[in-house]
Amino acid sequence: MQQKSNLISGLILSGPPQLELMQKASSPVQQKLKWNLFNSPIGQVFYPYARRRKFLESFSKKQLFANGNQVDEEWLDTLEKGVKNPQSKYAVFSFLAGFWRQDFSQAIAQIHQPTLVLVGNQASTISKTKRIETPEQRINTYLKYLPQAKGNQISGRNVLPYESTVEFVKAVSKFLLTIN
């Protein structure tokens, strides 16, 4: 983004994580320990288990969707298709090890483009912090750091384009009209 920011006219953050997760790097030692755990015989057993349709359905219902009834065959088929590639385990292990958790404070401070922050009214977090954040608080935190941002809360939890397609498209369309 920083290298070609002049080519970006706006950003849409759909179900972003708690901002504090984006402003605090995880310990490289912890990352390495977690990576070694997942890239061990334990991980070799875990990943085939986690690829199972039943696990994908349960995880989606517990962690991603506000309404478990929305976890349909199309969603599960898409997930299954993605995990068929045995190399996909490295992306999962990398995420679980926390390699994505870096301090993006400076990069975030340099975002001057109009930004839409869409948060589900039942948003959850992957954070281990004790502070529970409401959807309103999450939006307000992003608005504080992104001076050109607008926030909107829509139905859903964490996969808003899939859970609340009509609301998502309306919010995005309205935002796009304001930046063009």
N, C-alpha and C. Protein backbone atom coordinates (compact mmCIF):
# COMPACT_ATOMS: atom_id res chain seq x y z
N MET A 1 0.83 -1.19 0.00
CA MET A 1 0.00 0.00 0.00
C MET A 1 0.87 1.24 0.00
N GLN A 2 1.91 1.28 0.81
CA GLN A 2 2.72 2.48 0.93
C GLN A 2 3.43 2.81 -0.38
N GLN A 3 3.85 1.80 -1.11
CA GLN A 3 4.62 2.04 -2.32
C GLN A 3 3.78 2.61 -3.45
N LYS A 4 2.54 2.25 -3.53
CA LYS A 4 1.67 2.68 -4.63
C LYS A 4 0.40 3.33 -4.11
N SER A 5 0.49 4.03 -3.00
CA SER A 5 -0.72 4.59 -2.38
C SER A 5 -1.44 5.56 -3.29
N ASN A 6 -0.74 6.17 -4.22
CA ASN A 6 -1.39 7.10 -5.14
C ASN A 6 -2.34 6.38 -6.10
N LEU A 7 -2.24 5.07 -6.20
CA LEU A 7 -3.11 4.30 -7.08
C LEU A 7 -4.38 3.83 -6.36
N ILE A 8 -4.47 4.09 -5.08
CA ILE A 8 -5.61 3.62 -4.28
C ILE A 8 -6.49 4.81 -3.95
N SER A 9 -7.75 4.74 -4.38
CA SER A 9 -8.65 5.86 -4.13
C SER A 9 -9.46 5.68 -2.85
N GLY A 10 -9.51 4.49 -2.32
CA GLY A 10 -10.24 4.25 -1.09
C GLY A 10 -10.03 2.83 -0.61
N LEU A 11 -10.34 2.59 0.65
CA LEU A 11 -10.19 1.28 1.26
C LEU A 11 -11.50 0.87 1.92
N ILE A 12 -11.74 -0.42 1.92
CA ILE A 12 -12.89 -0.97 2.63
C ILE A 12 -12.37 -2.06 3.57
N LEU A 13 -12.59 -1.86 4.85
CA LEU A 13 -12.20 -2.85 5.85
C LEU A 13 -13.46 -3.58 6.28
N SER A 14 -13.57 -4.82 5.90
CA SER A 14 -14.75 -5.62 6.22
C SER A 14 -14.43 -6.55 7.39
N GLY A 15 -15.06 -6.27 8.52
CA GLY A 15 -14.82 -7.09 9.70
C GLY A 15 -13.38 -7.07 10.16
N PRO A 16 -12.78 -5.88 10.27
CA PRO A 16 -11.37 -5.83 10.68
C PRO A 16 -11.21 -6.30 12.13
N PRO A 17 -10.02 -6.79 12.46
CA PRO A 17 -9.77 -7.21 13.85
C PRO A 17 -9.66 -5.99 14.76
N GLN A 18 -9.60 -6.24 16.05
CA GLN A 18 -9.36 -5.15 16.99
C GLN A 18 -8.09 -4.43 16.55
N LEU A 19 -8.11 -3.14 16.55
CA LEU A 19 -6.97 -2.35 16.09
C LEU A 19 -5.72 -2.65 16.91
N GLU A 20 -5.89 -2.91 18.18
CA GLU A 20 -4.71 -3.18 19.01
C GLU A 20 -3.95 -4.41 18.51
N LEU A 21 -4.63 -5.34 17.86
CA LEU A 21 -3.94 -6.49 17.28
C LEU A 21 -3.04 -6.07 16.12
N MET A 22 -3.40 -4.98 15.49
CA MET A 22 -2.64 -4.49 14.34
C MET A 22 -1.53 -3.52 14.78
N GLN A 23 -1.47 -3.24 16.06
CA GLN A 23 -0.49 -2.28 16.56
C GLN A 23 0.49 -2.92 17.55
N LYS A 24 0.44 -4.22 17.65
CA LYS A 24 1.31 -4.89 18.62
C LYS A 24 1.86 -6.16 17.98
N ALA A 25 3.16 -6.20 17.84
CA ALA A 25 3.80 -7.38 17.25
C ALA A 25 3.83 -8.52 18.25
N SER A 26 3.69 -9.73 17.73
CA SER A 26 3.88 -10.87 18.62
C SER A 26 5.37 -11.15 18.75
N SER A 27 5.71 -11.78 19.80
CA SER A 27 7.10 -12.09 20.09
C SER A 27 7.64 -13.08 19.05
N PRO A 28 8.80 -12.78 18.46
CA PRO A 28 9.40 -13.72 17.50
C PRO A 28 9.69 -15.08 18.14
N VAL A 29 10.00 -15.08 19.41
CA VAL A 29 10.26 -16.35 20.10
C VAL A 29 8.97 -17.17 20.16
N GLN A 30 7.86 -16.49 20.55
CA GLN A 30 6.57 -17.20 20.60
C GLN A 30 6.17 -17.68 19.21
N GLN A 31 6.39 -16.84 18.19
CA GLN A 31 6.06 -17.24 16.82
C GLN A 31 6.82 -18.51 16.45
N LYS A 32 8.09 -18.53 16.73
CA LYS A 32 8.95 -19.68 16.38
C LYS A 32 8.50 -20.93 17.14
N LEU A 33 8.20 -20.76 18.43
CA LEU A 33 7.74 -21.91 19.23
C LEU A 33 6.44 -22.47 18.68
N LYS A 34 5.49 -21.57 18.36
CA LYS A 34 4.21 -22.02 17.80
C LYS A 34 4.41 -22.67 16.45
N TRP A 35 5.25 -22.07 15.61
CA TRP A 35 5.51 -22.65 14.29
C TRP A 35 6.08 -24.06 14.44
N ASN A 36 7.05 -24.21 15.34
CA ASN A 36 7.66 -25.53 15.54
C ASN A 36 6.64 -26.54 16.05
N LEU A 37 5.70 -26.08 16.87
CA LEU A 37 4.65 -26.97 17.35
C LEU A 37 3.76 -27.43 16.19
N PHE A 38 3.30 -26.47 15.38
CA PHE A 38 2.42 -26.82 14.27
C PHE A 38 3.15 -27.60 13.18
N ASN A 39 4.42 -27.31 12.98
CA ASN A 39 5.18 -27.99 11.94
C ASN A 39 5.89 -29.21 12.52
N SER A 40 5.21 -29.89 13.41
CA SER A 40 5.73 -31.09 14.07
C SER A 40 4.71 -32.21 13.84
N PRO A 41 4.96 -33.37 14.39
CA PRO A 41 3.96 -34.44 14.26
C PRO A 41 2.58 -34.03 14.79
N ILE A 42 2.55 -33.15 15.80
CA ILE A 42 1.26 -32.68 16.32
C ILE A 42 0.50 -31.94 15.23
N GLY A 43 1.19 -31.04 14.52
CA GLY A 43 0.57 -30.31 13.42
C GLY A 43 0.18 -31.22 12.27
N GLN A 44 0.98 -32.25 12.06
CA GLN A 44 0.68 -33.19 10.97
C GLN A 44 -0.60 -33.98 11.27
N VAL A 45 -0.92 -34.12 12.54
CA VAL A 45 -2.18 -34.77 12.93
C VAL A 45 -3.32 -33.74 12.96
N PHE A 46 -3.02 -32.54 13.46
CA PHE A 46 -4.04 -31.50 13.58
C PHE A 46 -4.60 -31.09 12.23
N TYR A 47 -3.72 -30.87 11.25
CA TYR A 47 -4.20 -30.30 9.99
C TYR A 47 -5.20 -31.21 9.27
N PRO A 48 -4.95 -32.50 9.13
CA PRO A 48 -5.99 -33.34 8.51
C PRO A 48 -7.31 -33.31 9.29
N TYR A 49 -7.21 -33.22 10.62
CA TYR A 49 -8.42 -33.10 11.43
C TYR A 49 -9.14 -31.80 11.11
N ALA A 50 -8.40 -30.69 11.04
CA ALA A 50 -9.00 -29.37 10.80
C ALA A 50 -9.54 -29.24 9.38
N ARG A 51 -9.09 -30.06 8.46
CA ARG A 51 -9.57 -30.00 7.06
C ARG A 51 -10.92 -30.69 6.88
N ARG A 52 -11.32 -31.46 7.86
CA ARG A 52 -12.57 -32.20 7.73
C ARG A 52 -13.77 -31.26 7.64
N ARG A 53 -14.73 -31.63 6.83
CA ARG A 53 -15.92 -30.80 6.63
C ARG A 53 -16.62 -30.52 7.97
N LYS A 54 -16.68 -31.51 8.82
CA LYS A 54 -17.35 -31.34 10.11
C LYS A 54 -16.63 -30.27 10.95
N PHE A 55 -15.31 -30.28 10.94
CA PHE A 55 -14.55 -29.25 11.68
C PHE A 55 -14.78 -27.88 11.05
N LEU A 56 -14.71 -27.79 9.73
CA LEU A 56 -14.91 -26.52 9.03
C LEU A 56 -16.30 -25.94 9.33
N GLU A 57 -17.28 -26.82 9.38
CA GLU A 57 -18.64 -26.37 9.69
C GLU A 57 -18.74 -25.87 11.12
N SER A 58 -18.18 -26.64 12.05
CA SER A 58 -18.23 -26.25 13.45
C SER A 58 -17.48 -24.93 13.68
N PHE A 59 -16.29 -24.81 13.12
CA PHE A 59 -15.50 -23.59 13.26
C PHE A 59 -16.25 -22.39 12.68
N SER A 60 -16.84 -22.56 11.53
CA SER A 60 -17.58 -21.47 10.89
C SER A 60 -18.75 -21.02 11.75
N LYS A 61 -19.46 -21.98 12.33
CA LYS A 61 -20.61 -21.65 13.15
C LYS A 61 -20.20 -20.98 14.46
N LYS A 62 -19.09 -21.44 15.05
CA LYS A 62 -18.66 -20.91 16.35
C LYS A 62 -17.87 -19.61 16.25
N GLN A 63 -17.11 -19.43 15.16
CA GLN A 63 -16.18 -18.31 15.10
C GLN A 63 -16.45 -17.28 14.01
N LEU A 64 -17.17 -17.65 12.97
CA LEU A 64 -17.27 -16.75 11.83
C LEU A 64 -18.65 -16.14 11.61
N PHE A 65 -19.69 -16.93 11.75
CA PHE A 65 -21.05 -16.49 11.41
C PHE A 65 -21.84 -16.15 12.66
N ALA A 66 -22.64 -15.10 12.56
CA ALA A 66 -23.55 -14.75 13.66
C ALA A 66 -24.69 -15.76 13.73
N ASN A 67 -25.13 -16.23 12.58
CA ASN A 67 -26.23 -17.19 12.49
C ASN A 67 -25.69 -18.47 11.86
N GLY A 68 -25.54 -19.50 12.67
CA GLY A 68 -25.00 -20.77 12.19
C GLY A 68 -25.78 -21.39 11.04
N ASN A 69 -27.06 -21.03 10.91
CA ASN A 69 -27.86 -21.56 9.81
C ASN A 69 -27.39 -21.06 8.44
N GLN A 70 -26.59 -19.99 8.45
CA GLN A 70 -26.07 -19.46 7.19
C GLN A 70 -24.85 -20.22 6.68
N VAL A 71 -24.32 -21.11 7.49
CA VAL A 71 -23.20 -21.94 7.05
C VAL A 71 -23.80 -23.02 6.15
N ASP A 72 -23.75 -22.74 4.85
CA ASP A 72 -24.42 -23.61 3.88
C ASP A 72 -23.43 -24.45 3.08
N GLU A 73 -23.97 -25.25 2.18
CA GLU A 73 -23.15 -26.15 1.37
C GLU A 73 -22.17 -25.37 0.50
N GLU A 74 -22.60 -24.25 -0.06
CA GLU A 74 -21.71 -23.46 -0.91
C GLU A 74 -20.49 -22.98 -0.11
N TRP A 75 -20.72 -22.47 1.10
CA TRP A 75 -19.63 -22.01 1.96
C TRP A 75 -18.68 -23.16 2.27
N LEU A 76 -19.24 -24.29 2.69
CA LEU A 76 -18.41 -25.43 3.07
C LEU A 76 -17.67 -26.01 1.87
N ASP A 77 -18.31 -26.05 0.71
CA ASP A 77 -17.65 -26.53 -0.50
C ASP A 77 -16.45 -25.64 -0.84
N THR A 78 -16.63 -24.34 -0.68
CA THR A 78 -15.53 -23.40 -0.96
C THR A 78 -14.36 -23.63 -0.01
N LEU A 79 -14.66 -23.80 1.28
CA LEU A 79 -13.60 -24.07 2.25
C LEU A 79 -12.90 -25.39 1.94
N GLU A 80 -13.68 -26.41 1.65
CA GLU A 80 -13.09 -27.72 1.34
C GLU A 80 -12.18 -27.65 0.12
N LYS A 81 -12.61 -26.90 -0.86
CA LYS A 81 -11.80 -26.75 -2.06
C LYS A 81 -10.46 -26.11 -1.71
N GLY A 82 -10.48 -25.13 -0.83
CA GLY A 82 -9.26 -24.44 -0.43
C GLY A 82 -8.29 -25.31 0.34
N VAL A 83 -8.80 -26.19 1.18
CA VAL A 83 -7.90 -27.00 2.01
C VAL A 83 -7.45 -28.29 1.32
N LYS A 84 -7.93 -28.54 0.12
CA LYS A 84 -7.46 -29.73 -0.61
C LYS A 84 -5.99 -29.64 -0.97
N ASN A 85 -5.52 -28.42 -1.20
CA ASN A 85 -4.11 -28.23 -1.51
C ASN A 85 -3.30 -28.45 -0.23
N PRO A 86 -2.43 -29.47 -0.21
CA PRO A 86 -1.68 -29.76 1.01
C PRO A 86 -0.78 -28.61 1.45
N GLN A 87 -0.40 -27.74 0.51
CA GLN A 87 0.44 -26.60 0.86
C GLN A 87 -0.32 -25.55 1.67
N SER A 88 -1.66 -25.61 1.66
CA SER A 88 -2.44 -24.62 2.40
C SER A 88 -2.19 -24.72 3.91
N LYS A 89 -1.69 -25.85 4.36
CA LYS A 89 -1.43 -25.98 5.79
C LYS A 89 -0.41 -24.95 6.27
N TYR A 90 0.51 -24.54 5.41
CA TYR A 90 1.52 -23.58 5.83
C TYR A 90 0.91 -22.20 6.07
N ALA A 91 -0.09 -21.85 5.30
CA ALA A 91 -0.79 -20.59 5.54
C ALA A 91 -1.52 -20.65 6.88
N VAL A 92 -2.15 -21.77 7.16
CA VAL A 92 -2.87 -21.95 8.43
C VAL A 92 -1.89 -21.92 9.59
N PHE A 93 -0.79 -22.65 9.48
CA PHE A 93 0.19 -22.68 10.56
C PHE A 93 0.81 -21.30 10.77
N SER A 94 1.07 -20.60 9.69
CA SER A 94 1.65 -19.26 9.78
C SER A 94 0.69 -18.31 10.52
N PHE A 95 -0.60 -18.40 10.18
CA PHE A 95 -1.60 -17.58 10.86
C PHE A 95 -1.65 -17.93 12.35
N LEU A 96 -1.73 -19.21 12.65
CA LEU A 96 -1.82 -19.65 14.04
C LEU A 96 -0.56 -19.29 14.84
N ALA A 97 0.57 -19.29 14.18
CA ALA A 97 1.82 -18.93 14.85
C ALA A 97 1.91 -17.43 15.09
N GLY A 98 1.08 -16.65 14.40
CA GLY A 98 1.04 -15.20 14.63
C GLY A 98 2.02 -14.39 13.80
N PHE A 99 2.50 -14.97 12.69
CA PHE A 99 3.45 -14.22 11.87
C PHE A 99 2.84 -12.94 11.29
N TRP A 100 1.53 -12.89 11.17
CA TRP A 100 0.85 -11.70 10.65
C TRP A 100 0.81 -10.58 11.69
N ARG A 101 1.01 -10.94 12.95
CA ARG A 101 0.90 -9.94 14.02
C ARG A 101 2.18 -9.14 14.12
N GLN A 102 2.13 -7.98 13.50
CA GLN A 102 3.25 -7.04 13.53
C GLN A 102 2.70 -5.70 13.98
N ASP A 103 3.60 -4.77 14.21
CA ASP A 103 3.16 -3.43 14.58
C ASP A 103 2.97 -2.62 13.30
N PHE A 104 1.72 -2.47 12.90
CA PHE A 104 1.38 -1.74 11.69
C PHE A 104 1.00 -0.28 11.99
N SER A 105 1.34 0.21 13.17
CA SER A 105 0.94 1.57 13.58
C SER A 105 1.37 2.63 12.57
N GLN A 106 2.62 2.59 12.14
CA GLN A 106 3.11 3.61 11.21
C GLN A 106 2.40 3.49 9.86
N ALA A 107 2.20 2.29 9.39
CA ALA A 107 1.52 2.10 8.10
C ALA A 107 0.08 2.59 8.19
N ILE A 108 -0.58 2.31 9.30
CA ILE A 108 -1.96 2.75 9.48
C ILE A 108 -2.02 4.28 9.54
N ALA A 109 -1.06 4.88 10.21
CA ALA A 109 -1.03 6.35 10.32
C ALA A 109 -0.83 7.03 8.97
N GLN A 110 -0.29 6.31 8.02
CA GLN A 110 -0.04 6.88 6.69
C GLN A 110 -1.21 6.69 5.72
N ILE A 111 -2.28 6.10 6.18
CA ILE A 111 -3.46 5.92 5.33
C ILE A 111 -4.25 7.22 5.32
N HIS A 112 -4.29 7.84 4.17
CA HIS A 112 -5.02 9.11 4.05
C HIS A 112 -6.19 8.99 3.08
N GLN A 113 -6.35 7.83 2.49
CA GLN A 113 -7.46 7.62 1.58
C GLN A 113 -8.76 7.46 2.36
N PRO A 114 -9.88 7.81 1.73
CA PRO A 114 -11.16 7.52 2.37
C PRO A 114 -11.26 6.02 2.67
N THR A 115 -11.73 5.71 3.85
CA THR A 115 -11.79 4.32 4.28
C THR A 115 -13.16 4.03 4.89
N LEU A 116 -13.73 2.92 4.50
CA LEU A 116 -14.99 2.46 5.10
C LEU A 116 -14.67 1.31 6.04
N VAL A 117 -15.07 1.44 7.29
CA VAL A 117 -14.87 0.41 8.30
C VAL A 117 -16.22 -0.24 8.55
N LEU A 118 -16.39 -1.46 8.06
CA LEU A 118 -17.64 -2.20 8.26
C LEU A 118 -17.43 -3.25 9.34
N VAL A 119 -18.26 -3.20 10.36
CA VAL A 119 -18.14 -4.13 11.48
C VAL A 119 -19.50 -4.78 11.70
N GLY A 120 -19.48 -6.08 11.93
CA GLY A 120 -20.71 -6.81 12.21
C GLY A 120 -21.25 -6.48 13.59
N ASN A 121 -22.57 -6.44 13.70
CA ASN A 121 -23.17 -6.11 15.00
C ASN A 121 -22.95 -7.20 16.04
N GLN A 122 -22.42 -8.35 15.61
CA GLN A 122 -22.06 -9.42 16.55
C GLN A 122 -20.59 -9.81 16.37
N ALA A 123 -19.77 -8.84 15.99
CA ALA A 123 -18.35 -9.09 15.73
C ALA A 123 -17.68 -9.73 16.93
N SER A 124 -16.79 -10.65 16.63
CA SER A 124 -16.00 -11.28 17.69
C SER A 124 -14.53 -11.01 17.39
N THR A 125 -13.68 -11.48 18.26
CA THR A 125 -12.26 -11.20 18.10
C THR A 125 -11.43 -12.44 18.32
N ILE A 126 -10.23 -12.42 17.77
CA ILE A 126 -9.28 -13.50 18.01
C ILE A 126 -8.29 -13.10 19.09
N SER A 127 -8.50 -11.94 19.66
CA SER A 127 -7.59 -11.41 20.66
C SER A 127 -7.72 -12.17 21.96
N LYS A 128 -6.60 -12.30 22.63
CA LYS A 128 -6.59 -12.93 23.95
C LYS A 128 -6.63 -11.89 25.06
N THR A 129 -6.88 -10.64 24.70
CA THR A 129 -6.91 -9.58 25.70
C THR A 129 -8.17 -9.73 26.56
N LYS A 130 -8.11 -9.17 27.74
CA LYS A 130 -9.25 -9.24 28.64
C LYS A 130 -10.30 -8.21 28.28
N ARG A 131 -9.90 -7.20 27.51
CA ARG A 131 -10.81 -6.12 27.14
C ARG A 131 -11.76 -6.60 26.04
N ILE A 132 -13.02 -6.62 26.35
CA ILE A 132 -14.03 -6.97 25.36
C ILE A 132 -14.46 -5.68 24.68
N GLU A 133 -14.45 -5.71 23.38
CA GLU A 133 -14.75 -4.52 22.59
C GLU A 133 -16.10 -4.68 21.90
N THR A 134 -16.95 -3.67 22.04
CA THR A 134 -18.22 -3.69 21.33
C THR A 134 -17.98 -3.30 19.87
N PRO A 135 -18.91 -3.62 18.98
CA PRO A 135 -18.76 -3.19 17.59
C PRO A 135 -18.60 -1.67 17.47
N GLU A 136 -19.34 -0.93 18.28
CA GLU A 136 -19.23 0.54 18.24
C GLU A 136 -17.83 0.99 18.64
N GLN A 137 -17.28 0.37 19.67
CA GLN A 137 -15.93 0.72 20.11
C GLN A 137 -14.90 0.40 19.03
N ARG A 138 -15.08 -0.72 18.36
CA ARG A 138 -14.14 -1.09 17.30
C ARG A 138 -14.17 -0.05 16.19
N ILE A 139 -15.36 0.32 15.78
CA ILE A 139 -15.49 1.34 14.73
C ILE A 139 -14.84 2.64 15.19
N ASN A 140 -15.17 3.09 16.39
CA ASN A 140 -14.65 4.36 16.90
C ASN A 140 -13.13 4.36 17.02
N THR A 141 -12.56 3.23 17.39
CA THR A 141 -11.10 3.14 17.47
C THR A 141 -10.47 3.33 16.10
N TYR A 142 -11.03 2.68 15.09
CA TYR A 142 -10.52 2.86 13.73
C TYR A 142 -10.70 4.29 13.26
N LEU A 143 -11.86 4.88 13.56
CA LEU A 143 -12.11 6.25 13.12
C LEU A 143 -11.12 7.23 13.76
N LYS A 144 -10.70 6.94 14.97
CA LYS A 144 -9.73 7.80 15.65
C LYS A 144 -8.38 7.79 14.93
N TYR A 145 -7.98 6.65 14.39
CA TYR A 145 -6.68 6.53 13.75
C TYR A 145 -6.70 6.79 12.25
N LEU A 146 -7.87 6.74 11.65
CA LEU A 146 -7.99 6.96 10.21
C LEU A 146 -8.84 8.21 9.98
N PRO A 147 -8.22 9.35 9.77
CA PRO A 147 -8.97 10.61 9.70
C PRO A 147 -9.97 10.68 8.55
N GLN A 148 -9.78 9.92 7.50
CA GLN A 148 -10.69 9.94 6.36
C GLN A 148 -11.69 8.79 6.41
N ALA A 149 -11.85 8.17 7.56
CA ALA A 149 -12.69 6.97 7.66
C ALA A 149 -14.13 7.29 8.04
N LYS A 150 -14.99 6.40 7.58
CA LYS A 150 -16.39 6.37 7.99
C LYS A 150 -16.65 4.96 8.47
N GLY A 151 -17.49 4.84 9.48
CA GLY A 151 -17.78 3.53 10.02
C GLY A 151 -19.24 3.18 9.87
N ASN A 152 -19.49 1.89 9.75
CA ASN A 152 -20.86 1.42 9.61
C ASN A 152 -20.95 0.04 10.24
N GLN A 153 -22.03 -0.17 10.95
CA GLN A 153 -22.30 -1.47 11.56
C GLN A 153 -23.43 -2.13 10.77
N ILE A 154 -23.21 -3.37 10.38
CA ILE A 154 -24.25 -4.11 9.67
C ILE A 154 -24.45 -5.46 10.36
N SER A 155 -25.47 -6.16 9.94
CA SER A 155 -25.76 -7.47 10.53
C SER A 155 -24.61 -8.43 10.24
N GLY A 156 -24.33 -9.28 11.20
CA GLY A 156 -23.34 -10.31 10.98
C GLY A 156 -22.27 -10.33 12.04
N ARG A 157 -21.28 -11.18 11.77
CA ARG A 157 -20.20 -11.36 12.73
C ARG A 157 -18.85 -11.04 12.11
N ASN A 158 -18.32 -11.96 11.30
CA ASN A 158 -16.97 -11.78 10.80
C ASN A 158 -16.80 -11.97 9.29
N VAL A 159 -17.77 -12.52 8.62
CA VAL A 159 -17.68 -12.71 7.16
C VAL A 159 -18.84 -11.96 6.51
N LEU A 160 -18.82 -10.67 6.67
CA LEU A 160 -19.94 -9.80 6.31
C LEU A 160 -20.39 -9.90 4.85
N PRO A 161 -19.50 -9.97 3.87
CA PRO A 161 -19.99 -10.07 2.49
C PRO A 161 -20.84 -11.33 2.26
N TYR A 162 -20.55 -12.37 3.00
CA TYR A 162 -21.29 -13.61 2.85
C TYR A 162 -22.53 -13.64 3.74
N GLU A 163 -22.42 -13.16 4.95
CA GLU A 163 -23.53 -13.19 5.90
C GLU A 163 -24.62 -12.19 5.58
N SER A 164 -24.22 -11.01 5.16
CA SER A 164 -25.17 -9.91 4.97
C SER A 164 -24.91 -9.24 3.63
N THR A 165 -25.03 -10.02 2.59
CA THR A 165 -24.66 -9.57 1.25
C THR A 165 -25.36 -8.28 0.85
N VAL A 166 -26.66 -8.21 1.04
CA VAL A 166 -27.42 -7.03 0.60
C VAL A 166 -26.96 -5.80 1.38
N GLU A 167 -26.86 -5.91 2.70
CA GLU A 167 -26.41 -4.78 3.52
C GLU A 167 -24.98 -4.38 3.16
N PHE A 168 -24.15 -5.38 2.93
CA PHE A 168 -22.76 -5.13 2.58
C PHE A 168 -22.67 -4.36 1.26
N VAL A 169 -23.37 -4.82 0.26
CA VAL A 169 -23.34 -4.17 -1.06
C VAL A 169 -23.88 -2.74 -0.96
N LYS A 170 -24.95 -2.55 -0.20
CA LYS A 170 -25.50 -1.20 -0.02
C LYS A 170 -24.48 -0.27 0.63
N ALA A 171 -23.85 -0.72 1.69
CA ALA A 171 -22.88 0.11 2.40
C ALA A 171 -21.68 0.42 1.51
N VAL A 172 -21.20 -0.57 0.80
CA VAL A 172 -20.04 -0.37 -0.09
C VAL A 172 -20.41 0.55 -1.23
N SER A 173 -21.58 0.34 -1.84
CA SER A 173 -22.02 1.19 -2.95
C SER A 173 -22.14 2.65 -2.53
N LYS A 174 -22.73 2.87 -1.36
CA LYS A 174 -22.90 4.24 -0.85
C LYS A 174 -21.52 4.88 -0.63
N PHE A 175 -20.60 4.13 -0.07
CA PHE A 175 -19.25 4.63 0.17
C PHE A 175 -18.55 4.95 -1.15
N LEU A 176 -18.66 4.06 -2.12
CA LEU A 176 -18.00 4.28 -3.41
C LEU A 176 -18.52 5.52 -4.11
N LEU A 177 -19.78 5.81 -3.94
CA LEU A 177 -20.34 7.03 -4.55
C LEU A 177 -19.74 8.29 -3.93
N THR A 178 -19.31 8.20 -2.69
CA THR A 178 -18.74 9.38 -2.03
C THR A 178 -17.28 9.62 -2.39
N ILE A 179 -16.60 8.60 -2.92
CA ILE A 179 -15.17 8.79 -3.23
C ILE A 179 -14.91 8.97 -4.72
N ASN A 180 -15.91 8.77 -5.53
CA ASN A 180 -15.70 8.92 -6.98
C ASN A 180 -16.23 10.22 -7.51
